[in-house]
Every structure is written in structure tokens, then in C-alpha cells.
């Protein structure tokens, strides 16, 4: 763990010099996303939809450059070991360097959600969705965050939007089908 923390510290030292450079724009993935969304919407089962969803994740997680990719990976690694403070630091560095890269906000939102910081998670999800309105995973994260905050109607509305893009979302079971049914 000490070696990992030293490595993490060196990432931030490198961030100072990397931030002198500008993060390249995230590449336009709209035509690829059109095809993947069509695939997931016409899939006949969750299993048939899964490869399309996996390819969406590959697109979302393709950072604008190597430095951004390393920060994203560091944040993801720290989430995996429940080091949410470390994850937030790495992902905040990513966002500072690449403020138009939606996945940085989405992953920081995930870390904040897991840490119980729902208000900030929701703000990050909203920013991710401003940058990539069809980011289905960010929509699903927004559903779960709103649900955890007790904002049931807004969660249901967001869930309907997400299901219009991907009818096979695991969160689909949260959809109310009759008045008064809790999610």
C-alpha cells in the first residue's frame, strides 16, 4: 500500500506538468453510439444486448490522451478497493485536466455515490449528461442517486429516459408500473 501511495503521489506531481498542457478534446463518438444504441434497442434479450453495452463502455472509457487514461484508471482502481477519497482525488485531477471528458464526471459520481455524497454525485452525473446526453450509464447512476435521495418521481422520469435508450438496463426492475408502487 505504501508503494501504491507513493505511485499515486507521483501521479499528482506529474499532474502539475501535465496541466501545463491542454487536454485534447474527447473524440466524437456519436455515429458509433448511434449504431450501438440501435443494436441494444433491437436486441431480443439482455444477453444479446450485452456486447453492445460493453462496446459503449469502451467508448466512454476511451480517454482523450494517455495521461487522462492513467488518471481514469487510478480512480477506477481506487474505487475497486473502496478508497473513495483517493478515487475522488484522481478523478478530480482528471476533471481538472480534461473538463469536457464526461467519463471523469461519471466515475467521480460513482465514487461519491459509494461514499454517500449523493448531492455531489448528482451534480457530477448532471455534468456528465450535459457533455454526453446519451451516456446511459450516467443516466442509470442518476436514477439510483435520485432513488437514494428519496426523489422518486424524478428517478422514474430519468429511468424512462434511460430505458428509451437501453431497454435492457439492470435498473429496469425499478420502473413503477402502477400508481403507488414504490421503486
N, C-alpha and C. Protein backbone atom coordinates (compact mmCIF):
# COMPACT_ATOMS: atom_id res chain seq x y z
N UNK A 1 0.83 -1.19 0.00
CA UNK A 1 0.00 0.00 0.00
C UNK A 1 0.88 1.26 0.00
N UNK A 2 2.00 1.23 0.71
CA UNK A 2 2.89 2.39 0.74
C UNK A 2 3.41 2.66 -0.66
N UNK A 3 3.82 1.61 -1.36
CA UNK A 3 4.30 1.78 -2.74
C UNK A 3 3.21 2.36 -3.62
N UNK A 4 1.99 1.88 -3.45
CA UNK A 4 0.87 2.39 -4.24
C UNK A 4 0.63 3.87 -3.94
N UNK A 5 0.71 4.26 -2.66
CA UNK A 5 0.52 5.67 -2.30
C UNK A 5 1.64 6.54 -2.86
N UNK A 6 2.87 6.02 -2.87
CA UNK A 6 3.98 6.76 -3.48
C UNK A 6 3.75 6.94 -4.97
N UNK A 7 3.26 5.87 -5.60
CA UNK A 7 2.97 5.94 -7.03
C UNK A 7 1.86 6.97 -7.28
N UNK A 8 0.85 6.96 -6.43
CA UNK A 8 -0.25 7.91 -6.56
C UNK A 8 0.26 9.34 -6.38
N UNK A 9 1.13 9.54 -5.42
CA UNK A 9 1.71 10.88 -5.21
C UNK A 9 2.49 11.33 -6.43
N UNK A 10 3.22 10.40 -7.03
CA UNK A 10 3.99 10.77 -8.22
C UNK A 10 3.07 11.12 -9.39
N UNK A 11 1.88 10.51 -9.43
CA UNK A 11 0.91 10.89 -10.46
C UNK A 11 0.52 12.35 -10.32
N UNK A 12 0.34 12.78 -9.07
CA UNK A 12 -0.05 14.16 -8.87
C UNK A 12 1.10 15.14 -9.12
N UNK A 13 2.32 14.72 -8.86
CA UNK A 13 3.46 15.56 -9.21
C UNK A 13 3.53 15.71 -10.73
N UNK A 14 3.28 14.63 -11.42
CA UNK A 14 3.26 14.69 -12.89
C UNK A 14 2.09 15.52 -13.37
N UNK A 15 1.02 15.57 -12.57
CA UNK A 15 -0.16 16.35 -12.98
C UNK A 15 0.18 17.82 -13.13
N UNK A 16 1.05 18.31 -12.28
CA UNK A 16 1.42 19.72 -12.36
C UNK A 16 2.02 20.05 -13.72
N UNK A 17 2.90 19.18 -14.20
CA UNK A 17 3.48 19.45 -15.52
C UNK A 17 2.50 19.14 -16.63
N UNK A 18 1.66 18.10 -16.45
CA UNK A 18 0.69 17.75 -17.49
C UNK A 18 -0.37 18.84 -17.63
N UNK A 19 -0.72 19.48 -16.52
CA UNK A 19 -1.75 20.50 -16.59
C UNK A 19 -1.27 21.74 -17.32
N UNK A 20 0.03 21.88 -17.50
CA UNK A 20 0.53 22.98 -18.31
C UNK A 20 0.12 22.77 -19.76
N UNK A 21 -0.11 21.52 -20.12
CA UNK A 21 -0.60 21.18 -21.45
C UNK A 21 -2.12 21.16 -21.40
N UNK A 22 -2.72 21.21 -22.56
CA UNK A 22 -4.17 21.17 -22.64
C UNK A 22 -4.62 19.77 -23.02
N UNK A 23 -5.64 19.32 -22.37
CA UNK A 23 -6.22 18.03 -22.70
C UNK A 23 -6.86 18.13 -24.08
N UNK A 24 -6.59 17.16 -24.95
CA UNK A 24 -7.27 17.18 -26.24
C UNK A 24 -8.77 16.96 -26.07
N UNK A 25 -9.54 17.40 -27.03
CA UNK A 25 -10.98 17.17 -26.98
C UNK A 25 -11.25 15.67 -27.06
N UNK A 26 -12.28 15.25 -26.37
CA UNK A 26 -12.72 13.86 -26.49
C UNK A 26 -13.21 13.67 -27.93
N UNK A 27 -12.93 12.51 -28.48
CA UNK A 27 -13.32 12.29 -29.87
C UNK A 27 -14.84 12.15 -29.99
N UNK A 28 -15.32 12.47 -31.17
CA UNK A 28 -16.75 12.38 -31.46
C UNK A 28 -17.11 10.90 -31.64
N UNK A 29 -17.96 10.42 -30.76
CA UNK A 29 -18.37 9.02 -30.82
C UNK A 29 -19.83 8.88 -31.24
N UNK A 30 -20.44 9.95 -31.72
CA UNK A 30 -21.88 9.93 -31.97
C UNK A 30 -22.31 8.88 -32.99
N UNK A 31 -21.59 8.72 -34.09
CA UNK A 31 -22.02 7.73 -35.08
C UNK A 31 -21.85 6.31 -34.54
N UNK A 32 -20.78 6.07 -33.81
CA UNK A 32 -20.60 4.75 -33.19
C UNK A 32 -21.68 4.49 -32.15
N UNK A 33 -22.02 5.53 -31.38
CA UNK A 33 -23.06 5.38 -30.35
C UNK A 33 -24.42 5.15 -31.01
N UNK A 34 -24.68 5.82 -32.14
CA UNK A 34 -25.94 5.58 -32.86
C UNK A 34 -26.09 4.09 -33.17
N UNK A 35 -25.05 3.49 -33.71
CA UNK A 35 -25.09 2.07 -34.09
C UNK A 35 -25.25 1.17 -32.85
N UNK A 36 -24.54 1.50 -31.78
CA UNK A 36 -24.64 0.68 -30.57
C UNK A 36 -26.02 0.79 -29.91
N UNK A 37 -26.56 1.99 -29.89
CA UNK A 37 -27.90 2.16 -29.32
C UNK A 37 -28.94 1.43 -30.16
N UNK A 38 -28.79 1.48 -31.47
CA UNK A 38 -29.70 0.72 -32.34
C UNK A 38 -29.58 -0.77 -32.03
N UNK A 39 -28.37 -1.25 -31.87
CA UNK A 39 -28.16 -2.66 -31.56
C UNK A 39 -28.80 -3.07 -30.25
N UNK A 40 -28.63 -2.26 -29.22
CA UNK A 40 -29.18 -2.60 -27.90
C UNK A 40 -30.71 -2.49 -27.92
N UNK A 41 -31.24 -1.55 -28.69
CA UNK A 41 -32.69 -1.37 -28.75
C UNK A 41 -33.38 -2.48 -29.55
N UNK A 42 -32.68 -3.09 -30.47
CA UNK A 42 -33.28 -4.15 -31.27
C UNK A 42 -32.91 -5.55 -30.76
N UNK A 43 -32.10 -5.60 -29.73
CA UNK A 43 -31.73 -6.89 -29.14
C UNK A 43 -32.98 -7.57 -28.58
N UNK A 44 -33.01 -8.88 -28.67
CA UNK A 44 -34.17 -9.65 -28.21
C UNK A 44 -34.02 -10.16 -26.78
N UNK A 45 -32.83 -9.95 -26.20
CA UNK A 45 -32.61 -10.40 -24.82
C UNK A 45 -31.48 -9.57 -24.21
N UNK A 46 -31.39 -9.65 -22.91
CA UNK A 46 -30.30 -8.96 -22.21
C UNK A 46 -28.95 -9.50 -22.66
N UNK A 47 -28.86 -10.79 -22.85
CA UNK A 47 -27.62 -11.40 -23.31
C UNK A 47 -27.22 -10.92 -24.70
N UNK A 48 -28.20 -10.76 -25.56
CA UNK A 48 -27.93 -10.26 -26.91
C UNK A 48 -27.52 -8.78 -26.88
N UNK A 49 -28.01 -8.04 -25.89
CA UNK A 49 -27.69 -6.61 -25.76
C UNK A 49 -26.32 -6.38 -25.14
N UNK A 50 -25.85 -7.33 -24.35
CA UNK A 50 -24.61 -7.15 -23.57
C UNK A 50 -23.40 -6.72 -24.40
N UNK A 51 -23.12 -7.33 -25.57
CA UNK A 51 -21.95 -6.89 -26.34
C UNK A 51 -22.03 -5.41 -26.76
N UNK A 52 -23.24 -4.94 -27.05
CA UNK A 52 -23.40 -3.53 -27.41
C UNK A 52 -23.10 -2.63 -26.22
N UNK A 53 -23.57 -3.03 -25.05
CA UNK A 53 -23.31 -2.26 -23.82
C UNK A 53 -21.82 -2.26 -23.51
N UNK A 54 -21.17 -3.40 -23.66
CA UNK A 54 -19.72 -3.46 -23.42
C UNK A 54 -18.96 -2.52 -24.36
N UNK A 55 -19.40 -2.46 -25.60
CA UNK A 55 -18.75 -1.55 -26.55
C UNK A 55 -19.01 -0.09 -26.19
N UNK A 56 -20.19 0.21 -25.64
CA UNK A 56 -20.47 1.58 -25.17
C UNK A 56 -19.47 1.95 -24.09
N UNK A 57 -19.26 1.03 -23.14
CA UNK A 57 -18.30 1.29 -22.06
C UNK A 57 -16.91 1.55 -22.62
N UNK A 58 -16.52 0.81 -23.64
CA UNK A 58 -15.21 1.04 -24.24
C UNK A 58 -15.12 2.45 -24.81
N UNK A 59 -16.18 2.91 -25.45
CA UNK A 59 -16.17 4.27 -25.99
C UNK A 59 -16.11 5.32 -24.89
N UNK A 60 -16.94 5.15 -23.87
CA UNK A 60 -16.97 6.13 -22.78
C UNK A 60 -15.65 6.18 -22.04
N UNK A 61 -15.01 5.03 -21.88
CA UNK A 61 -13.78 4.97 -21.10
C UNK A 61 -12.52 5.25 -21.92
N UNK A 62 -12.68 5.56 -23.18
CA UNK A 62 -11.53 5.91 -24.03
C UNK A 62 -11.19 7.38 -23.80
N UNK A 63 -10.24 7.61 -22.92
CA UNK A 63 -9.88 8.97 -22.52
C UNK A 63 -9.16 9.70 -23.66
N UNK A 64 -9.18 11.03 -23.61
CA UNK A 64 -8.59 11.82 -24.70
C UNK A 64 -7.09 11.63 -24.92
N UNK A 65 -6.34 11.27 -23.89
CA UNK A 65 -4.90 11.03 -24.07
C UNK A 65 -4.42 10.08 -22.98
N UNK A 66 -3.15 9.73 -23.04
CA UNK A 66 -2.59 8.74 -22.10
C UNK A 66 -2.66 9.20 -20.65
N UNK A 67 -2.37 10.48 -20.41
CA UNK A 67 -2.40 11.00 -19.03
C UNK A 67 -3.81 10.89 -18.47
N UNK A 68 -4.80 11.28 -19.25
CA UNK A 68 -6.19 11.18 -18.81
C UNK A 68 -6.56 9.72 -18.56
N UNK A 69 -6.09 8.83 -19.42
CA UNK A 69 -6.38 7.40 -19.26
C UNK A 69 -5.78 6.87 -17.96
N UNK A 70 -4.59 7.30 -17.63
CA UNK A 70 -3.95 6.86 -16.38
C UNK A 70 -4.71 7.37 -15.16
N UNK A 71 -5.16 8.62 -15.20
CA UNK A 71 -5.94 9.16 -14.08
C UNK A 71 -7.27 8.42 -13.94
N UNK A 72 -7.92 8.13 -15.07
CA UNK A 72 -9.16 7.38 -15.04
C UNK A 72 -8.93 6.00 -14.44
N UNK A 73 -7.86 5.34 -14.86
CA UNK A 73 -7.55 4.01 -14.34
C UNK A 73 -7.24 4.06 -12.84
N UNK A 74 -6.50 5.07 -12.43
CA UNK A 74 -6.19 5.22 -11.00
C UNK A 74 -7.48 5.40 -10.19
N UNK A 75 -8.37 6.25 -10.68
CA UNK A 75 -9.65 6.43 -10.00
C UNK A 75 -10.44 5.14 -9.93
N UNK A 76 -10.50 4.42 -11.03
CA UNK A 76 -11.24 3.15 -11.07
C UNK A 76 -10.61 2.13 -10.13
N UNK A 77 -9.31 2.06 -10.11
CA UNK A 77 -8.62 1.12 -9.22
C UNK A 77 -8.92 1.43 -7.76
N UNK A 78 -8.95 2.70 -7.44
CA UNK A 78 -9.21 3.10 -6.05
C UNK A 78 -10.67 2.85 -5.66
N UNK A 79 -11.60 3.02 -6.62
CA UNK A 79 -12.99 2.67 -6.34
C UNK A 79 -13.09 1.18 -6.03
N UNK A 80 -12.40 0.37 -6.80
CA UNK A 80 -12.44 -1.09 -6.65
C UNK A 80 -12.00 -1.54 -5.26
N UNK A 81 -11.10 -0.78 -4.61
CA UNK A 81 -10.64 -1.16 -3.26
C UNK A 81 -11.29 -0.28 -2.18
N UNK A 82 -12.37 0.40 -2.55
CA UNK A 82 -13.14 1.24 -1.62
C UNK A 82 -12.34 2.40 -1.04
N UNK A 83 -11.35 2.88 -1.78
CA UNK A 83 -10.61 4.09 -1.40
C UNK A 83 -11.26 5.27 -2.12
N UNK A 84 -12.42 5.69 -1.61
CA UNK A 84 -13.21 6.70 -2.29
C UNK A 84 -12.57 8.08 -2.25
N UNK A 85 -11.85 8.36 -1.17
CA UNK A 85 -11.13 9.63 -1.08
C UNK A 85 -10.03 9.69 -2.15
N UNK A 86 -9.28 8.62 -2.28
CA UNK A 86 -8.23 8.55 -3.30
C UNK A 86 -8.82 8.57 -4.70
N UNK A 87 -9.93 7.88 -4.88
CA UNK A 87 -10.60 7.88 -6.19
C UNK A 87 -11.05 9.28 -6.55
N UNK A 88 -11.66 9.96 -5.59
CA UNK A 88 -12.13 11.32 -5.86
C UNK A 88 -10.95 12.24 -6.21
N UNK A 89 -9.84 12.08 -5.54
CA UNK A 89 -8.66 12.91 -5.84
C UNK A 89 -8.17 12.65 -7.27
N UNK A 90 -8.05 11.39 -7.65
CA UNK A 90 -7.58 11.07 -9.00
C UNK A 90 -8.56 11.56 -10.05
N UNK A 91 -9.85 11.36 -9.80
CA UNK A 91 -10.86 11.75 -10.78
C UNK A 91 -11.04 13.27 -10.82
N UNK A 92 -10.83 13.93 -9.70
CA UNK A 92 -10.85 15.40 -9.71
C UNK A 92 -9.67 15.95 -10.51
N UNK A 93 -8.52 15.29 -10.40
CA UNK A 93 -7.36 15.68 -11.22
C UNK A 93 -7.68 15.47 -12.70
N UNK A 94 -8.34 14.37 -13.02
CA UNK A 94 -8.75 14.12 -14.40
C UNK A 94 -9.69 15.21 -14.90
N UNK A 95 -10.68 15.56 -14.10
CA UNK A 95 -11.65 16.58 -14.49
C UNK A 95 -10.98 17.93 -14.63
N UNK A 96 -10.05 18.23 -13.76
CA UNK A 96 -9.31 19.48 -13.84
C UNK A 96 -8.51 19.56 -15.15
N UNK A 97 -7.92 18.44 -15.52
CA UNK A 97 -7.12 18.36 -16.75
C UNK A 97 -8.01 18.30 -17.99
N UNK A 98 -9.08 17.51 -17.93
CA UNK A 98 -9.98 17.30 -19.08
C UNK A 98 -11.42 17.64 -18.68
N UNK A 99 -11.75 18.91 -18.55
CA UNK A 99 -13.08 19.28 -18.07
C UNK A 99 -14.23 18.95 -19.03
N UNK A 100 -13.93 18.55 -20.25
CA UNK A 100 -15.01 18.19 -21.18
C UNK A 100 -15.10 16.68 -21.41
N UNK A 101 -14.42 15.88 -20.60
CA UNK A 101 -14.45 14.43 -20.71
C UNK A 101 -15.50 13.89 -19.74
N UNK A 102 -16.63 13.46 -20.26
CA UNK A 102 -17.78 13.06 -19.45
C UNK A 102 -17.50 11.93 -18.48
N UNK A 103 -16.67 10.97 -18.89
CA UNK A 103 -16.46 9.80 -18.03
C UNK A 103 -15.75 10.15 -16.74
N UNK A 104 -14.96 11.22 -16.73
CA UNK A 104 -14.35 11.67 -15.49
C UNK A 104 -15.42 12.03 -14.46
N UNK A 105 -16.43 12.76 -14.91
CA UNK A 105 -17.54 13.13 -14.01
C UNK A 105 -18.35 11.90 -13.61
N UNK A 106 -18.61 11.02 -14.58
CA UNK A 106 -19.40 9.82 -14.28
C UNK A 106 -18.71 8.95 -13.23
N UNK A 107 -17.41 8.74 -13.38
CA UNK A 107 -16.69 7.90 -12.41
C UNK A 107 -16.57 8.58 -11.05
N UNK A 108 -16.36 9.92 -11.05
CA UNK A 108 -16.30 10.60 -9.76
C UNK A 108 -17.67 10.54 -9.08
N UNK A 109 -18.74 10.63 -9.86
CA UNK A 109 -20.08 10.48 -9.30
C UNK A 109 -20.26 9.11 -8.66
N UNK A 110 -19.76 8.08 -9.34
CA UNK A 110 -19.86 6.72 -8.80
C UNK A 110 -19.12 6.62 -7.46
N UNK A 111 -17.92 7.18 -7.41
CA UNK A 111 -17.15 7.18 -6.18
C UNK A 111 -17.89 7.94 -5.07
N UNK A 112 -18.43 9.09 -5.42
CA UNK A 112 -19.15 9.89 -4.43
C UNK A 112 -20.42 9.19 -3.97
N UNK A 113 -21.12 8.53 -4.90
CA UNK A 113 -22.31 7.77 -4.54
C UNK A 113 -21.95 6.69 -3.52
N UNK A 114 -20.91 5.93 -3.82
CA UNK A 114 -20.50 4.86 -2.91
C UNK A 114 -20.07 5.40 -1.55
N UNK A 115 -19.54 6.61 -1.53
CA UNK A 115 -19.11 7.24 -0.27
C UNK A 115 -20.28 7.91 0.46
N UNK A 116 -21.47 7.93 -0.17
CA UNK A 116 -22.64 8.53 0.46
C UNK A 116 -22.81 10.01 0.20
N UNK A 117 -22.00 10.59 -0.67
CA UNK A 117 -22.09 12.01 -1.00
C UNK A 117 -23.02 12.18 -2.21
N UNK A 118 -24.32 12.04 -1.96
CA UNK A 118 -25.30 11.98 -3.03
C UNK A 118 -25.47 13.31 -3.76
N UNK A 119 -25.46 14.41 -3.04
CA UNK A 119 -25.63 15.72 -3.69
C UNK A 119 -24.53 15.98 -4.73
N UNK A 120 -23.29 15.73 -4.33
CA UNK A 120 -22.18 15.94 -5.27
C UNK A 120 -22.18 14.90 -6.39
N UNK A 121 -22.59 13.69 -6.07
CA UNK A 121 -22.71 12.66 -7.11
C UNK A 121 -23.71 13.11 -8.17
N UNK A 122 -24.84 13.63 -7.73
CA UNK A 122 -25.87 14.07 -8.67
C UNK A 122 -25.36 15.22 -9.54
N UNK A 123 -24.63 16.14 -8.96
CA UNK A 123 -24.05 17.24 -9.75
C UNK A 123 -23.09 16.71 -10.81
N UNK A 124 -22.26 15.75 -10.43
CA UNK A 124 -21.33 15.16 -11.41
C UNK A 124 -22.07 14.43 -12.52
N UNK A 125 -23.12 13.71 -12.17
CA UNK A 125 -23.90 12.99 -13.19
C UNK A 125 -24.56 13.98 -14.14
N UNK A 126 -25.08 15.07 -13.60
CA UNK A 126 -25.69 16.08 -14.46
C UNK A 126 -24.67 16.68 -15.42
N UNK A 127 -23.45 16.90 -14.94
CA UNK A 127 -22.39 17.42 -15.81
C UNK A 127 -22.02 16.40 -16.89
N UNK A 128 -21.90 15.13 -16.50
CA UNK A 128 -21.59 14.08 -17.48
C UNK A 128 -22.67 14.04 -18.56
N UNK A 129 -23.92 14.19 -18.15
CA UNK A 129 -25.02 14.13 -19.11
C UNK A 129 -25.13 15.40 -19.96
N UNK A 130 -24.66 16.50 -19.45
CA UNK A 130 -24.59 17.71 -20.27
C UNK A 130 -23.58 17.49 -21.39
N UNK A 131 -22.47 16.84 -21.06
CA UNK A 131 -21.42 16.58 -22.05
C UNK A 131 -21.78 15.44 -23.00
N UNK A 132 -22.43 14.40 -22.48
CA UNK A 132 -22.82 13.23 -23.29
C UNK A 132 -24.25 12.84 -22.91
N UNK A 133 -25.25 13.49 -23.52
CA UNK A 133 -26.64 13.26 -23.13
C UNK A 133 -27.12 11.81 -23.26
N UNK A 134 -26.47 11.02 -24.09
CA UNK A 134 -26.88 9.61 -24.26
C UNK A 134 -25.97 8.66 -23.49
N UNK A 135 -25.33 9.14 -22.45
CA UNK A 135 -24.48 8.30 -21.61
C UNK A 135 -25.42 7.50 -20.70
N UNK A 136 -25.79 6.33 -21.18
CA UNK A 136 -26.80 5.50 -20.50
C UNK A 136 -26.37 5.15 -19.08
N UNK A 137 -25.10 4.88 -18.87
CA UNK A 137 -24.63 4.54 -17.53
C UNK A 137 -24.77 5.72 -16.58
N UNK A 138 -24.52 6.93 -17.05
CA UNK A 138 -24.71 8.11 -16.20
C UNK A 138 -26.19 8.30 -15.89
N UNK A 139 -27.05 8.03 -16.87
CA UNK A 139 -28.50 8.10 -16.61
C UNK A 139 -28.90 7.08 -15.54
N UNK A 140 -28.38 5.86 -15.66
CA UNK A 140 -28.68 4.84 -14.66
C UNK A 140 -28.15 5.24 -13.28
N UNK A 141 -26.96 5.82 -13.24
CA UNK A 141 -26.42 6.32 -11.98
C UNK A 141 -27.28 7.42 -11.40
N UNK A 142 -27.82 8.26 -12.28
CA UNK A 142 -28.71 9.33 -11.83
C UNK A 142 -29.98 8.75 -11.22
N UNK A 143 -30.51 7.69 -11.84
CA UNK A 143 -31.70 7.01 -11.31
C UNK A 143 -31.43 6.52 -9.89
N UNK A 144 -30.33 5.82 -9.71
CA UNK A 144 -30.01 5.25 -8.40
C UNK A 144 -29.75 6.34 -7.36
N UNK A 145 -29.10 7.42 -7.79
CA UNK A 145 -28.82 8.52 -6.86
C UNK A 145 -30.11 9.20 -6.43
N UNK A 146 -30.97 9.51 -7.40
CA UNK A 146 -32.26 10.15 -7.08
C UNK A 146 -33.09 9.24 -6.17
N UNK A 147 -33.08 7.96 -6.47
CA UNK A 147 -33.82 7.00 -5.63
C UNK A 147 -33.28 7.03 -4.20
N UNK A 148 -31.97 7.02 -4.05
CA UNK A 148 -31.36 7.06 -2.72
C UNK A 148 -31.67 8.36 -1.98
N UNK A 149 -31.91 9.41 -2.74
CA UNK A 149 -32.24 10.71 -2.15
C UNK A 149 -33.74 10.84 -1.84
N UNK A 150 -34.51 9.83 -2.22
CA UNK A 150 -35.95 9.87 -1.99
C UNK A 150 -36.71 10.68 -3.03
N UNK A 151 -36.09 10.99 -4.15
CA UNK A 151 -36.73 11.78 -5.22
C UNK A 151 -37.31 10.81 -6.26
N UNK A 152 -38.38 10.13 -5.85
CA UNK A 152 -38.95 9.03 -6.62
C UNK A 152 -39.47 9.47 -7.99
N UNK A 153 -40.21 10.55 -8.06
CA UNK A 153 -40.78 10.97 -9.35
C UNK A 153 -39.69 11.31 -10.35
N UNK A 154 -38.68 12.05 -9.91
CA UNK A 154 -37.57 12.41 -10.80
C UNK A 154 -36.78 11.16 -11.20
N UNK A 155 -36.63 10.22 -10.27
CA UNK A 155 -35.94 8.97 -10.57
C UNK A 155 -36.71 8.20 -11.65
N UNK A 156 -38.04 8.17 -11.53
CA UNK A 156 -38.86 7.46 -12.52
C UNK A 156 -38.76 8.11 -13.91
N UNK A 157 -38.79 9.42 -13.94
CA UNK A 157 -38.66 10.13 -15.22
C UNK A 157 -37.31 9.84 -15.88
N UNK A 158 -36.26 9.90 -15.08
CA UNK A 158 -34.92 9.61 -15.60
C UNK A 158 -34.82 8.16 -16.05
N UNK A 159 -35.42 7.26 -15.30
CA UNK A 159 -35.40 5.84 -15.67
C UNK A 159 -36.10 5.62 -17.01
N UNK A 160 -37.19 6.29 -17.23
CA UNK A 160 -37.89 6.17 -18.53
C UNK A 160 -36.99 6.66 -19.67
N UNK A 161 -36.29 7.77 -19.44
CA UNK A 161 -35.35 8.28 -20.45
C UNK A 161 -34.25 7.27 -20.72
N UNK A 162 -33.72 6.68 -19.67
CA UNK A 162 -32.64 5.70 -19.82
C UNK A 162 -33.13 4.46 -20.55
N UNK A 163 -34.33 3.99 -20.21
CA UNK A 163 -34.86 2.79 -20.85
C UNK A 163 -35.22 3.02 -22.31
N UNK A 164 -35.50 4.26 -22.67
CA UNK A 164 -35.74 4.57 -24.09
C UNK A 164 -34.46 4.34 -24.89
N UNK A 165 -33.31 4.55 -24.25
CA UNK A 165 -32.02 4.33 -24.91
C UNK A 165 -31.59 2.86 -24.81
N UNK A 166 -31.77 2.27 -23.63
CA UNK A 166 -31.37 0.87 -23.43
C UNK A 166 -32.45 0.16 -22.61
N UNK A 167 -33.34 -0.55 -23.30
CA UNK A 167 -34.43 -1.23 -22.58
C UNK A 167 -33.97 -2.40 -21.71
N UNK A 168 -32.69 -2.76 -21.78
CA UNK A 168 -32.17 -3.90 -21.03
C UNK A 168 -31.38 -3.49 -19.79
N UNK A 169 -31.45 -2.24 -19.41
CA UNK A 169 -30.73 -1.79 -18.21
C UNK A 169 -31.10 -2.65 -17.00
N UNK A 170 -30.13 -3.01 -16.19
CA UNK A 170 -30.45 -3.78 -14.97
C UNK A 170 -31.43 -3.02 -14.05
N UNK A 171 -31.42 -1.70 -14.12
CA UNK A 171 -32.29 -0.88 -13.26
C UNK A 171 -33.75 -0.90 -13.72
N UNK A 172 -34.05 -1.58 -14.83
CA UNK A 172 -35.42 -1.58 -15.38
C UNK A 172 -36.44 -2.13 -14.37
N UNK A 173 -35.98 -2.97 -13.45
CA UNK A 173 -36.90 -3.52 -12.44
C UNK A 173 -37.40 -2.44 -11.47
N UNK A 174 -36.76 -1.27 -11.47
CA UNK A 174 -37.19 -0.19 -10.58
C UNK A 174 -38.35 0.62 -11.15
N UNK A 175 -38.71 0.37 -12.40
CA UNK A 175 -39.76 1.15 -13.04
C UNK A 175 -41.11 0.84 -12.40
N UNK A 176 -41.82 1.89 -12.01
CA UNK A 176 -43.18 1.73 -11.48
C UNK A 176 -44.09 1.39 -12.64
N UNK A 177 -44.92 0.41 -12.44
CA UNK A 177 -45.86 0.04 -13.49
C UNK A 177 -47.29 0.39 -13.11
N UNK A 178 -47.49 0.73 -11.83
CA UNK A 178 -48.83 1.14 -11.40
C UNK A 178 -48.71 2.24 -10.37
N UNK A 179 -49.76 3.10 -10.26
CA UNK A 179 -49.70 4.19 -9.28
C UNK A 179 -49.52 3.65 -7.86
N UNK A 180 -48.70 4.33 -7.12
CA UNK A 180 -48.47 3.99 -5.73
C UNK A 180 -47.43 2.91 -5.50
N UNK A 181 -46.95 2.29 -6.55
CA UNK A 181 -45.92 1.25 -6.39
C UNK A 181 -44.58 1.92 -6.08
N UNK A 182 -43.91 1.48 -5.03
CA UNK A 182 -42.61 2.04 -4.69
C UNK A 182 -41.54 1.45 -5.61
N UNK A 183 -40.48 2.25 -5.85
CA UNK A 183 -39.38 1.70 -6.64
C UNK A 183 -38.36 1.09 -5.74
